[in-house]
Amino acid sequence: MTLTLHLAAGTISMCVHAALEEAGLPHDLAWVDFGTGAQGQPNYLKVNPKGRVPALEIDGAVLTEAPALLEWVAEAGGGALMPRDPLEAAHVREMMSYLASTVHVNHAHKMRGHRWTDDPAAQAAMRAGVPGTMTASARFLDARLRGDWVGPDFSVADLHLWNITRWMPGDGVDMDAVPALRAHHDRVAARPAVARVIALHEAAA
């Protein structure tokens, strides 16, 4: 099996990159330079017409959207990164759905307001609201964590959550006010596979 992950430094593609490392799945990296707008250029749009990352080529087929990629990696990697109990697996998917549909969108209002409106005043209002919406999400997540991990054991949901909590200080969230969430972030970041991914993204930034 040949895998190529198309990714950009510091983006949501970090969690998929980390999942591949955690699962021990050999892969190549194809960095997409957001600074030059490479995500909107024809070469990349042939890979992912959405102009977003991540995108994973799997023996020539392309899969997009971080939650779908995380699920695929968990299964292709032997299942260790997803609970086998149906209810626990549903809780993991519940977390990833919330992160993708709500928290990531809240974060995107800071820099991607043009996706929703061309009105500069409306974009400014979106940016101004980010600390509030992200703090509310952080408080919810902090209360949701009952142990070391999202589920009974480490899973792809923990990588997804870690990726998003990386953004929270820059979005105006006081991480000292959400100690369980901060501890979860630090716990995931300390994993050897995740530390390798952090170093590569910091070098590519």
N, C-alpha and C. Protein backbone atom coordinates (compact mmCIF):
# COMPACT_ATOMS: atom_id res chain seq x y z
N MET A 1 0.85 -1.20 0.00
CA MET A 1 0.00 0.00 0.00
C MET A 1 0.88 1.24 0.00
N THR A 2 0.56 2.18 -0.89
CA THR A 2 1.30 3.43 -1.00
C THR A 2 0.44 4.58 -0.49
N LEU A 3 0.96 5.32 0.48
CA LEU A 3 0.23 6.43 1.08
C LEU A 3 1.00 7.73 0.89
N THR A 4 0.29 8.78 0.48
CA THR A 4 0.86 10.13 0.42
C THR A 4 -0.10 11.08 1.10
N LEU A 5 0.37 11.74 2.15
CA LEU A 5 -0.43 12.71 2.88
C LEU A 5 -0.10 14.11 2.40
N HIS A 6 -1.11 14.80 1.90
CA HIS A 6 -0.97 16.22 1.53
C HIS A 6 -1.37 17.02 2.76
N LEU A 7 -0.49 17.90 3.20
CA LEU A 7 -0.67 18.56 4.49
C LEU A 7 -0.04 19.94 4.46
N ALA A 8 -0.43 20.77 5.44
CA ALA A 8 0.16 22.09 5.61
C ALA A 8 0.52 22.26 7.07
N ALA A 9 1.61 22.94 7.32
CA ALA A 9 2.14 23.08 8.68
C ALA A 9 1.13 23.73 9.61
N GLY A 10 0.92 23.09 10.76
CA GLY A 10 0.10 23.67 11.81
C GLY A 10 -1.40 23.56 11.62
N THR A 11 -1.83 22.96 10.52
CA THR A 11 -3.26 22.87 10.23
C THR A 11 -3.85 21.59 10.83
N ILE A 12 -5.12 21.35 10.55
CA ILE A 12 -5.79 20.17 11.06
C ILE A 12 -5.17 18.89 10.50
N SER A 13 -4.37 19.01 9.48
CA SER A 13 -3.69 17.83 8.93
C SER A 13 -2.69 17.24 9.92
N MET A 14 -2.34 17.99 10.97
CA MET A 14 -1.41 17.46 11.97
C MET A 14 -1.95 16.20 12.63
N CYS A 15 -3.25 16.16 12.91
CA CYS A 15 -3.78 14.99 13.62
C CYS A 15 -3.75 13.75 12.75
N VAL A 16 -3.97 13.91 11.45
CA VAL A 16 -3.90 12.77 10.54
C VAL A 16 -2.45 12.31 10.40
N HIS A 17 -1.53 13.26 10.29
CA HIS A 17 -0.11 12.94 10.25
C HIS A 17 0.28 12.15 11.50
N ALA A 18 -0.17 12.62 12.66
CA ALA A 18 0.16 11.94 13.91
C ALA A 18 -0.47 10.55 13.97
N ALA A 19 -1.68 10.41 13.44
CA ALA A 19 -2.33 9.10 13.44
C ALA A 19 -1.55 8.11 12.59
N LEU A 20 -1.06 8.54 11.45
CA LEU A 20 -0.24 7.66 10.61
C LEU A 20 1.02 7.22 11.36
N GLU A 21 1.61 8.16 12.09
CA GLU A 21 2.81 7.83 12.86
C GLU A 21 2.46 6.86 14.00
N GLU A 22 1.38 7.13 14.70
CA GLU A 22 0.97 6.27 15.80
C GLU A 22 0.65 4.85 15.31
N ALA A 23 0.03 4.76 14.13
CA ALA A 23 -0.36 3.46 13.60
C ALA A 23 0.80 2.72 12.94
N GLY A 24 1.92 3.43 12.74
CA GLY A 24 3.07 2.80 12.09
C GLY A 24 2.85 2.51 10.63
N LEU A 25 2.03 3.33 9.96
CA LEU A 25 1.76 3.14 8.54
C LEU A 25 2.77 3.96 7.73
N PRO A 26 3.62 3.34 6.93
CA PRO A 26 4.59 4.10 6.12
C PRO A 26 3.86 5.03 5.16
N HIS A 27 4.39 6.24 5.02
CA HIS A 27 3.72 7.24 4.19
C HIS A 27 4.73 8.27 3.72
N ASP A 28 4.38 8.92 2.61
CA ASP A 28 5.13 10.07 2.11
C ASP A 28 4.37 11.34 2.46
N LEU A 29 5.09 12.44 2.54
CA LEU A 29 4.48 13.74 2.84
C LEU A 29 4.60 14.66 1.63
N ALA A 30 3.51 15.33 1.31
CA ALA A 30 3.50 16.34 0.24
C ALA A 30 3.01 17.64 0.87
N TRP A 31 3.95 18.52 1.20
CA TRP A 31 3.61 19.76 1.89
C TRP A 31 2.94 20.74 0.94
N VAL A 32 1.88 21.37 1.42
CA VAL A 32 1.13 22.38 0.67
C VAL A 32 1.39 23.72 1.34
N ASP A 33 1.98 24.66 0.60
CA ASP A 33 2.39 25.94 1.17
C ASP A 33 1.23 26.92 1.13
N PHE A 34 0.57 27.11 2.26
CA PHE A 34 -0.54 28.06 2.31
C PHE A 34 -0.06 29.49 2.11
N GLY A 35 1.20 29.75 2.47
CA GLY A 35 1.73 31.11 2.33
C GLY A 35 1.76 31.59 0.90
N THR A 36 1.90 30.68 -0.04
CA THR A 36 1.90 31.04 -1.46
C THR A 36 0.57 30.71 -2.14
N GLY A 37 -0.40 30.27 -1.35
CA GLY A 37 -1.70 29.93 -1.92
C GLY A 37 -1.69 28.65 -2.73
N ALA A 38 -0.77 27.75 -2.42
CA ALA A 38 -0.65 26.52 -3.21
C ALA A 38 -1.92 25.67 -3.16
N GLN A 39 -2.71 25.83 -2.09
CA GLN A 39 -3.93 25.03 -1.97
C GLN A 39 -4.96 25.36 -3.04
N GLY A 40 -4.81 26.54 -3.64
CA GLY A 40 -5.76 26.95 -4.68
C GLY A 40 -5.22 26.83 -6.09
N GLN A 41 -4.03 26.26 -6.22
CA GLN A 41 -3.40 26.13 -7.53
C GLN A 41 -3.85 24.83 -8.22
N PRO A 42 -3.83 24.84 -9.57
CA PRO A 42 -4.35 23.68 -10.32
C PRO A 42 -3.73 22.35 -9.93
N ASN A 43 -2.42 22.33 -9.64
CA ASN A 43 -1.79 21.05 -9.30
C ASN A 43 -2.40 20.42 -8.07
N TYR A 44 -2.68 21.26 -7.06
CA TYR A 44 -3.27 20.70 -5.85
C TYR A 44 -4.76 20.46 -6.01
N LEU A 45 -5.44 21.31 -6.75
CA LEU A 45 -6.87 21.12 -6.95
C LEU A 45 -7.18 19.82 -7.69
N LYS A 46 -6.20 19.30 -8.42
CA LYS A 46 -6.38 17.98 -9.04
C LYS A 46 -6.44 16.90 -7.97
N VAL A 47 -5.74 17.13 -6.87
CA VAL A 47 -5.76 16.17 -5.76
C VAL A 47 -7.03 16.36 -4.94
N ASN A 48 -7.29 17.60 -4.52
CA ASN A 48 -8.47 17.90 -3.71
C ASN A 48 -9.14 19.16 -4.24
N PRO A 49 -10.20 19.01 -5.00
CA PRO A 49 -10.88 20.18 -5.58
C PRO A 49 -11.41 21.16 -4.55
N LYS A 50 -11.52 20.74 -3.29
CA LYS A 50 -11.97 21.65 -2.22
C LYS A 50 -10.90 22.69 -1.88
N GLY A 51 -9.65 22.42 -2.26
CA GLY A 51 -8.57 23.34 -1.90
C GLY A 51 -8.27 23.37 -0.42
N ARG A 52 -8.46 22.23 0.25
CA ARG A 52 -8.22 22.14 1.69
C ARG A 52 -7.25 21.00 1.97
N VAL A 53 -6.70 21.00 3.17
CA VAL A 53 -5.93 19.86 3.66
C VAL A 53 -6.62 19.36 4.93
N PRO A 54 -6.40 18.09 5.25
CA PRO A 54 -5.53 17.12 4.59
C PRO A 54 -6.23 16.40 3.45
N ALA A 55 -5.41 15.78 2.61
CA ALA A 55 -5.88 14.83 1.61
C ALA A 55 -4.90 13.66 1.64
N LEU A 56 -5.43 12.47 1.61
CA LEU A 56 -4.58 11.28 1.67
C LEU A 56 -4.79 10.45 0.41
N GLU A 57 -3.71 10.25 -0.33
CA GLU A 57 -3.75 9.36 -1.48
C GLU A 57 -3.44 7.94 -1.00
N ILE A 58 -4.35 7.04 -1.31
CA ILE A 58 -4.24 5.64 -0.91
C ILE A 58 -4.21 4.79 -2.17
N ASP A 59 -3.01 4.39 -2.58
CA ASP A 59 -2.86 3.64 -3.83
C ASP A 59 -3.54 4.36 -4.99
N GLY A 60 -3.40 5.69 -5.00
CA GLY A 60 -3.94 6.49 -6.10
C GLY A 60 -5.32 7.05 -5.85
N ALA A 61 -6.10 6.45 -4.94
CA ALA A 61 -7.41 7.00 -4.59
C ALA A 61 -7.21 8.10 -3.54
N VAL A 62 -8.08 9.10 -3.56
CA VAL A 62 -7.93 10.24 -2.65
C VAL A 62 -9.07 10.28 -1.65
N LEU A 63 -8.72 10.44 -0.38
CA LEU A 63 -9.69 10.59 0.70
C LEU A 63 -9.43 11.93 1.38
N THR A 64 -10.49 12.66 1.67
CA THR A 64 -10.37 13.97 2.33
C THR A 64 -11.24 14.01 3.58
N GLU A 65 -11.11 15.10 4.34
CA GLU A 65 -11.81 15.38 5.59
C GLU A 65 -11.17 14.62 6.75
N ALA A 66 -10.68 15.39 7.70
CA ALA A 66 -9.90 14.82 8.81
C ALA A 66 -10.61 13.68 9.55
N PRO A 67 -11.89 13.82 9.92
CA PRO A 67 -12.51 12.70 10.64
C PRO A 67 -12.53 11.41 9.84
N ALA A 68 -12.80 11.50 8.54
CA ALA A 68 -12.81 10.30 7.69
C ALA A 68 -11.42 9.70 7.60
N LEU A 69 -10.41 10.56 7.47
CA LEU A 69 -9.04 10.06 7.40
C LEU A 69 -8.63 9.41 8.72
N LEU A 70 -9.01 10.00 9.82
CA LEU A 70 -8.67 9.41 11.12
C LEU A 70 -9.31 8.04 11.29
N GLU A 71 -10.56 7.91 10.87
CA GLU A 71 -11.22 6.60 10.95
C GLU A 71 -10.52 5.58 10.05
N TRP A 72 -10.15 6.02 8.85
CA TRP A 72 -9.48 5.09 7.92
C TRP A 72 -8.14 4.63 8.50
N VAL A 73 -7.37 5.56 9.05
CA VAL A 73 -6.08 5.20 9.63
C VAL A 73 -6.27 4.23 10.79
N ALA A 74 -7.27 4.50 11.64
CA ALA A 74 -7.52 3.61 12.77
C ALA A 74 -7.80 2.19 12.29
N GLU A 75 -8.60 2.05 11.24
CA GLU A 75 -8.92 0.72 10.73
C GLU A 75 -7.74 0.10 10.01
N ALA A 76 -7.08 0.86 9.14
CA ALA A 76 -5.95 0.33 8.38
C ALA A 76 -4.77 -0.01 9.28
N GLY A 77 -4.68 0.67 10.41
CA GLY A 77 -3.59 0.43 11.34
C GLY A 77 -3.83 -0.71 12.30
N GLY A 78 -4.91 -1.43 12.11
CA GLY A 78 -5.16 -2.61 12.94
C GLY A 78 -6.20 -2.44 14.02
N GLY A 79 -6.76 -1.24 14.13
CA GLY A 79 -7.87 -1.03 15.06
C GLY A 79 -7.51 -0.55 16.45
N ALA A 80 -6.23 -0.39 16.75
CA ALA A 80 -5.85 0.00 18.11
C ALA A 80 -6.25 1.42 18.45
N LEU A 81 -6.49 2.25 17.43
CA LEU A 81 -6.79 3.66 17.66
C LEU A 81 -8.29 3.97 17.64
N MET A 82 -9.12 2.93 17.71
CA MET A 82 -10.57 3.11 17.78
C MET A 82 -11.14 2.03 18.69
N PRO A 83 -11.98 2.41 19.67
CA PRO A 83 -12.56 1.39 20.54
C PRO A 83 -13.36 0.35 19.75
N ARG A 84 -13.33 -0.88 20.21
CA ARG A 84 -14.11 -1.94 19.57
C ARG A 84 -15.54 -2.00 20.12
N ASP A 85 -15.74 -1.54 21.35
CA ASP A 85 -17.09 -1.49 21.89
C ASP A 85 -17.90 -0.46 21.11
N PRO A 86 -19.08 -0.83 20.59
CA PRO A 86 -19.84 0.09 19.74
C PRO A 86 -20.19 1.42 20.41
N LEU A 87 -20.57 1.37 21.68
CA LEU A 87 -20.93 2.61 22.36
C LEU A 87 -19.70 3.50 22.57
N GLU A 88 -18.59 2.90 22.99
CA GLU A 88 -17.38 3.69 23.18
C GLU A 88 -16.91 4.27 21.85
N ALA A 89 -17.01 3.50 20.78
CA ALA A 89 -16.64 4.01 19.45
C ALA A 89 -17.53 5.18 19.05
N ALA A 90 -18.82 5.07 19.39
CA ALA A 90 -19.73 6.16 19.08
C ALA A 90 -19.37 7.42 19.86
N HIS A 91 -18.92 7.27 21.11
CA HIS A 91 -18.48 8.44 21.88
C HIS A 91 -17.26 9.10 21.23
N VAL A 92 -16.35 8.29 20.72
CA VAL A 92 -15.18 8.83 20.02
C VAL A 92 -15.62 9.59 18.77
N ARG A 93 -16.54 9.02 18.02
CA ARG A 93 -17.04 9.69 16.80
C ARG A 93 -17.82 10.94 17.15
N GLU A 94 -18.54 10.90 18.26
CA GLU A 94 -19.27 12.08 18.73
C GLU A 94 -18.30 13.24 18.97
N MET A 95 -17.19 12.95 19.63
CA MET A 95 -16.19 13.97 19.89
C MET A 95 -15.64 14.54 18.59
N MET A 96 -15.28 13.66 17.66
CA MET A 96 -14.70 14.14 16.40
C MET A 96 -15.71 14.95 15.59
N SER A 97 -16.98 14.57 15.65
CA SER A 97 -18.01 15.33 14.95
C SER A 97 -18.14 16.74 15.53
N TYR A 98 -18.11 16.83 16.85
CA TYR A 98 -18.20 18.14 17.50
C TYR A 98 -16.98 19.00 17.16
N LEU A 99 -15.81 18.40 17.19
CA LEU A 99 -14.60 19.16 16.87
C LEU A 99 -14.64 19.69 15.45
N ALA A 100 -15.09 18.85 14.51
CA ALA A 100 -15.10 19.26 13.10
C ALA A 100 -16.21 20.25 12.79
N SER A 101 -17.39 20.03 13.36
CA SER A 101 -18.55 20.83 12.97
C SER A 101 -18.68 22.13 13.74
N THR A 102 -18.12 22.17 14.94
CA THR A 102 -18.32 23.35 15.80
C THR A 102 -17.01 24.05 16.15
N VAL A 103 -16.08 23.34 16.77
CA VAL A 103 -14.89 24.01 17.28
C VAL A 103 -13.99 24.47 16.14
N HIS A 104 -13.79 23.63 15.14
CA HIS A 104 -12.95 24.04 14.01
C HIS A 104 -13.57 25.23 13.28
N VAL A 105 -14.88 25.22 13.15
CA VAL A 105 -15.57 26.35 12.49
C VAL A 105 -15.41 27.62 13.31
N ASN A 106 -15.54 27.51 14.63
CA ASN A 106 -15.32 28.69 15.49
C ASN A 106 -13.92 29.26 15.25
N HIS A 107 -12.93 28.39 15.22
CA HIS A 107 -11.54 28.82 14.97
C HIS A 107 -11.40 29.48 13.61
N ALA A 108 -12.05 28.92 12.61
CA ALA A 108 -11.91 29.44 11.24
C ALA A 108 -12.46 30.85 11.09
N HIS A 109 -13.35 31.26 11.97
CA HIS A 109 -13.89 32.62 11.89
C HIS A 109 -12.80 33.68 12.09
N LYS A 110 -11.68 33.29 12.69
CA LYS A 110 -10.62 34.27 12.93
C LYS A 110 -9.92 34.67 11.64
N MET A 111 -9.62 33.70 10.78
CA MET A 111 -8.82 33.97 9.58
C MET A 111 -9.55 33.67 8.28
N ARG A 112 -10.68 32.98 8.35
CA ARG A 112 -11.35 32.52 7.13
C ARG A 112 -12.76 33.08 7.01
N GLY A 113 -12.98 34.28 7.54
CA GLY A 113 -14.31 34.86 7.48
C GLY A 113 -14.83 35.05 6.07
N HIS A 114 -13.92 35.15 5.10
CA HIS A 114 -14.33 35.32 3.71
C HIS A 114 -15.11 34.12 3.18
N ARG A 115 -15.02 32.99 3.89
CA ARG A 115 -15.79 31.83 3.46
C ARG A 115 -17.29 32.05 3.64
N TRP A 116 -17.67 32.95 4.55
CA TRP A 116 -19.07 33.17 4.87
C TRP A 116 -19.60 34.51 4.37
N THR A 117 -18.74 35.51 4.25
CA THR A 117 -19.22 36.83 3.85
C THR A 117 -18.09 37.66 3.23
N ASP A 118 -18.46 38.57 2.33
CA ASP A 118 -17.51 39.53 1.75
C ASP A 118 -17.50 40.85 2.51
N ASP A 119 -18.38 40.99 3.48
CA ASP A 119 -18.52 42.24 4.23
C ASP A 119 -17.40 42.36 5.26
N PRO A 120 -16.51 43.35 5.13
CA PRO A 120 -15.41 43.50 6.10
C PRO A 120 -15.89 43.65 7.54
N ALA A 121 -17.00 44.34 7.73
CA ALA A 121 -17.51 44.53 9.09
C ALA A 121 -17.98 43.19 9.68
N ALA A 122 -18.61 42.39 8.86
CA ALA A 122 -19.06 41.09 9.33
C ALA A 122 -17.87 40.17 9.64
N GLN A 123 -16.85 40.26 8.80
CA GLN A 123 -15.64 39.48 9.06
C GLN A 123 -14.99 39.91 10.37
N ALA A 124 -14.95 41.21 10.61
CA ALA A 124 -14.37 41.73 11.85
C ALA A 124 -15.18 41.25 13.06
N ALA A 125 -16.50 41.21 12.92
CA ALA A 125 -17.35 40.73 14.01
C ALA A 125 -17.09 39.25 14.29
N MET A 126 -16.86 38.48 13.23
CA MET A 126 -16.52 37.06 13.41
C MET A 126 -15.22 36.93 14.19
N ARG A 127 -14.22 37.69 13.79
CA ARG A 127 -12.93 37.63 14.49
C ARG A 127 -13.08 38.00 15.96
N ALA A 128 -13.87 39.03 16.22
CA ALA A 128 -14.05 39.49 17.60
C ALA A 128 -14.75 38.44 18.46
N GLY A 129 -15.55 37.60 17.84
CA GLY A 129 -16.28 36.59 18.59
C GLY A 129 -15.50 35.33 18.89
N VAL A 130 -14.33 35.16 18.26
CA VAL A 130 -13.58 33.91 18.40
C VAL A 130 -13.18 33.60 19.84
N PRO A 131 -12.63 34.55 20.61
CA PRO A 131 -12.27 34.20 21.99
C PRO A 131 -13.45 33.68 22.80
N GLY A 132 -14.62 34.25 22.59
CA GLY A 132 -15.79 33.81 23.33
C GLY A 132 -16.25 32.42 22.93
N THR A 133 -16.36 32.17 21.62
CA THR A 133 -16.85 30.87 21.17
C THR A 133 -15.84 29.77 21.46
N MET A 134 -14.56 30.08 21.30
CA MET A 134 -13.55 29.06 21.57
C MET A 134 -13.43 28.77 23.06
N THR A 135 -13.60 29.79 23.89
CA THR A 135 -13.57 29.57 25.33
C THR A 135 -14.75 28.73 25.77
N ALA A 136 -15.92 28.99 25.20
CA ALA A 136 -17.10 28.19 25.54
C ALA A 136 -16.88 26.73 25.15
N SER A 137 -16.30 26.51 23.98
CA SER A 137 -16.02 25.14 23.55
C SER A 137 -14.98 24.49 24.45
N ALA A 138 -13.96 25.25 24.83
CA ALA A 138 -12.92 24.71 25.70
C ALA A 138 -13.51 24.30 27.05
N ARG A 139 -14.41 25.09 27.59
CA ARG A 139 -15.04 24.75 28.87
C ARG A 139 -15.88 23.49 28.74
N PHE A 140 -16.61 23.37 27.64
CA PHE A 140 -17.39 22.16 27.42
C PHE A 140 -16.48 20.94 27.34
N LEU A 141 -15.39 21.05 26.59
CA LEU A 141 -14.47 19.92 26.43
C LEU A 141 -13.80 19.58 27.75
N ASP A 142 -13.45 20.59 28.51
CA ASP A 142 -12.81 20.36 29.81
C ASP A 142 -13.74 19.55 30.72
N ALA A 143 -15.02 19.87 30.70
CA ALA A 143 -15.99 19.14 31.53
C ALA A 143 -16.25 17.74 30.99
N ARG A 144 -16.06 17.57 29.68
CA ARG A 144 -16.34 16.27 29.04
C ARG A 144 -15.26 15.24 29.38
N LEU A 145 -14.04 15.69 29.62
CA LEU A 145 -12.95 14.75 29.88
C LEU A 145 -13.06 14.21 31.30
N ARG A 146 -13.13 12.88 31.40
CA ARG A 146 -13.28 12.25 32.71
C ARG A 146 -12.04 11.44 33.10
N GLY A 147 -11.16 11.19 32.17
CA GLY A 147 -9.95 10.43 32.43
C GLY A 147 -8.82 10.97 31.58
N ASP A 148 -7.84 10.12 31.33
CA ASP A 148 -6.71 10.57 30.53
C ASP A 148 -7.08 10.81 29.08
N TRP A 149 -8.07 10.07 28.57
CA TRP A 149 -8.37 10.09 27.14
C TRP A 149 -9.86 10.36 26.89
N VAL A 150 -10.20 10.63 25.65
CA VAL A 150 -11.59 10.86 25.28
C VAL A 150 -12.42 9.60 25.55
N GLY A 151 -11.88 8.44 25.17
CA GLY A 151 -12.52 7.16 25.43
C GLY A 151 -11.79 6.42 26.53
N PRO A 152 -12.01 5.12 26.61
CA PRO A 152 -11.34 4.36 27.65
C PRO A 152 -9.83 4.23 27.42
N ASP A 153 -9.42 4.31 26.17
CA ASP A 153 -8.01 4.23 25.81
C ASP A 153 -7.69 5.31 24.78
N PHE A 154 -6.42 5.53 24.54
CA PHE A 154 -5.98 6.50 23.54
C PHE A 154 -6.57 6.14 22.18
N SER A 155 -7.07 7.14 21.45
CA SER A 155 -7.71 6.91 20.15
C SER A 155 -7.45 8.10 19.23
N VAL A 156 -7.94 7.97 18.01
CA VAL A 156 -7.78 9.06 17.04
C VAL A 156 -8.50 10.33 17.51
N ALA A 157 -9.52 10.19 18.34
CA ALA A 157 -10.21 11.38 18.86
C ALA A 157 -9.28 12.22 19.72
N ASP A 158 -8.36 11.58 20.41
CA ASP A 158 -7.40 12.33 21.23
C ASP A 158 -6.45 13.14 20.35
N LEU A 159 -6.08 12.59 19.22
CA LEU A 159 -5.23 13.33 18.29
C LEU A 159 -5.99 14.51 17.68
N HIS A 160 -7.24 14.30 17.35
CA HIS A 160 -8.07 15.38 16.79
C HIS A 160 -8.22 16.50 17.81
N LEU A 161 -8.51 16.13 19.06
CA LEU A 161 -8.66 17.12 20.12
C LEU A 161 -7.36 17.86 20.37
N TRP A 162 -6.26 17.14 20.44
CA TRP A 162 -4.94 17.78 20.64
C TRP A 162 -4.65 18.79 19.55
N ASN A 163 -4.93 18.45 18.30
CA ASN A 163 -4.66 19.35 17.18
C ASN A 163 -5.40 20.67 17.37
N ILE A 164 -6.65 20.58 17.77
CA ILE A 164 -7.46 21.79 17.93
C ILE A 164 -7.08 22.58 19.18
N THR A 165 -6.72 21.88 20.27
CA THR A 165 -6.32 22.64 21.46
C THR A 165 -5.00 23.36 21.25
N ARG A 166 -4.21 22.93 20.30
CA ARG A 166 -2.99 23.68 19.95
C ARG A 166 -3.31 25.12 19.53
N TRP A 167 -4.47 25.31 18.92
CA TRP A 167 -4.85 26.63 18.43
C TRP A 167 -5.43 27.52 19.52
N MET A 168 -5.88 26.94 20.60
CA MET A 168 -6.71 27.69 21.55
C MET A 168 -6.01 28.88 22.20
N PRO A 169 -4.74 28.78 22.63
CA PRO A 169 -4.12 29.98 23.21
C PRO A 169 -4.11 31.16 22.23
N GLY A 170 -3.85 30.88 20.96
CA GLY A 170 -3.86 31.94 19.96
C GLY A 170 -5.24 32.47 19.66
N ASP A 171 -6.25 31.72 20.06
CA ASP A 171 -7.64 32.15 19.87
C ASP A 171 -8.21 32.84 21.10
N GLY A 172 -7.34 33.10 22.08
CA GLY A 172 -7.78 33.84 23.25
C GLY A 172 -8.30 33.01 24.39
N VAL A 173 -8.03 31.69 24.38
CA VAL A 173 -8.49 30.82 25.46
C VAL A 173 -7.43 30.78 26.57
N ASP A 174 -7.87 31.01 27.79
CA ASP A 174 -6.99 30.88 28.95
C ASP A 174 -6.94 29.41 29.33
N MET A 175 -5.87 28.72 28.96
CA MET A 175 -5.78 27.28 29.20
C MET A 175 -5.66 26.94 30.68
N ASP A 176 -5.24 27.91 31.51
CA ASP A 176 -5.19 27.66 32.95
C ASP A 176 -6.60 27.47 33.52
N ALA A 177 -7.60 28.00 32.82
CA ALA A 177 -8.98 27.88 33.28
C ALA A 177 -9.62 26.56 32.88
N VAL A 178 -8.92 25.77 32.05
CA VAL A 178 -9.43 24.47 31.61
C VAL A 178 -8.34 23.43 31.85
N PRO A 179 -8.05 23.13 33.12
CA PRO A 179 -6.89 22.30 33.45
C PRO A 179 -6.93 20.88 32.91
N ALA A 180 -8.12 20.28 32.84
CA ALA A 180 -8.19 18.91 32.30
C ALA A 180 -7.85 18.91 30.81
N LEU A 181 -8.33 19.92 30.11
CA LEU A 181 -8.05 20.02 28.68
C LEU A 181 -6.56 20.31 28.44
N ARG A 182 -6.00 21.20 29.24
CA ARG A 182 -4.57 21.51 29.12
C ARG A 182 -3.73 20.26 29.39
N ALA A 183 -4.09 19.51 30.42
CA ALA A 183 -3.34 18.29 30.75
C ALA A 183 -3.46 17.26 29.64
N HIS A 184 -4.65 17.16 29.05
CA HIS A 184 -4.82 16.24 27.92
C HIS A 184 -3.92 16.63 26.77
N HIS A 185 -3.88 17.92 26.45
CA HIS A 185 -3.02 18.39 25.37
C HIS A 185 -1.57 18.02 25.62
N ASP A 186 -1.10 18.27 26.82
CA ASP A 186 0.30 17.98 27.16
C ASP A 186 0.58 16.48 27.12
N ARG A 187 -0.40 15.69 27.53
CA ARG A 187 -0.24 14.24 27.55
C ARG A 187 -0.08 13.70 26.11
N VAL A 188 -0.91 14.21 25.21
CA VAL A 188 -0.81 13.77 23.81
C VAL A 188 0.49 14.26 23.18
N ALA A 189 0.83 15.51 23.43
CA ALA A 189 2.03 16.10 22.83
C ALA A 189 3.30 15.38 23.25
N ALA A 190 3.28 14.74 24.42
CA ALA A 190 4.46 14.05 24.93
C ALA A 190 4.67 12.67 24.31
N ARG A 191 3.67 12.17 23.59
CA ARG A 191 3.83 10.86 22.96
C ARG A 191 4.91 10.93 21.88
N PRO A 192 5.79 9.94 21.78
CA PRO A 192 6.91 10.02 20.83
C PRO A 192 6.47 10.27 19.38
N ALA A 193 5.42 9.59 18.93
CA ALA A 193 4.96 9.78 17.56
C ALA A 193 4.48 11.21 17.33
N VAL A 194 3.78 11.75 18.32
CA VAL A 194 3.26 13.12 18.20
C VAL A 194 4.40 14.13 18.26
N ALA A 195 5.37 13.88 19.12
CA ALA A 195 6.53 14.78 19.20
C ALA A 195 7.27 14.84 17.86
N ARG A 196 7.36 13.71 17.17
CA ARG A 196 8.01 13.73 15.84
C ARG A 196 7.22 14.60 14.87
N VAL A 197 5.91 14.51 14.93
CA VAL A 197 5.07 15.30 14.04
C VAL A 197 5.20 16.80 14.36
N ILE A 198 5.20 17.14 15.64
CA ILE A 198 5.35 18.54 16.03
C ILE A 198 6.65 19.11 15.47
N ALA A 199 7.73 18.36 15.60
CA ALA A 199 9.04 18.84 15.12
C ALA A 199 9.01 19.06 13.61
N LEU A 200 8.39 18.17 12.88
CA LEU A 200 8.34 18.32 11.42
C LEU A 200 7.50 19.53 11.02
N HIS A 201 6.39 19.76 11.71
CA HIS A 201 5.53 20.91 11.36
C HIS A 201 6.19 22.22 11.76
N GLU A 202 6.89 22.23 12.88
CA GLU A 202 7.58 23.46 13.27
C GLU A 202 8.70 23.77 12.27
N ALA A 203 9.36 22.75 11.77
CA ALA A 203 10.42 22.97 10.77
C ALA A 203 9.85 23.45 9.45
N ALA A 204 8.63 23.03 9.14
CA ALA A 204 8.02 23.39 7.85
C ALA A 204 7.29 24.72 7.88
N ALA A 205 7.04 25.23 9.08
CA ALA A 205 6.26 26.48 9.22
C ALA A 205 7.01 27.67 8.64
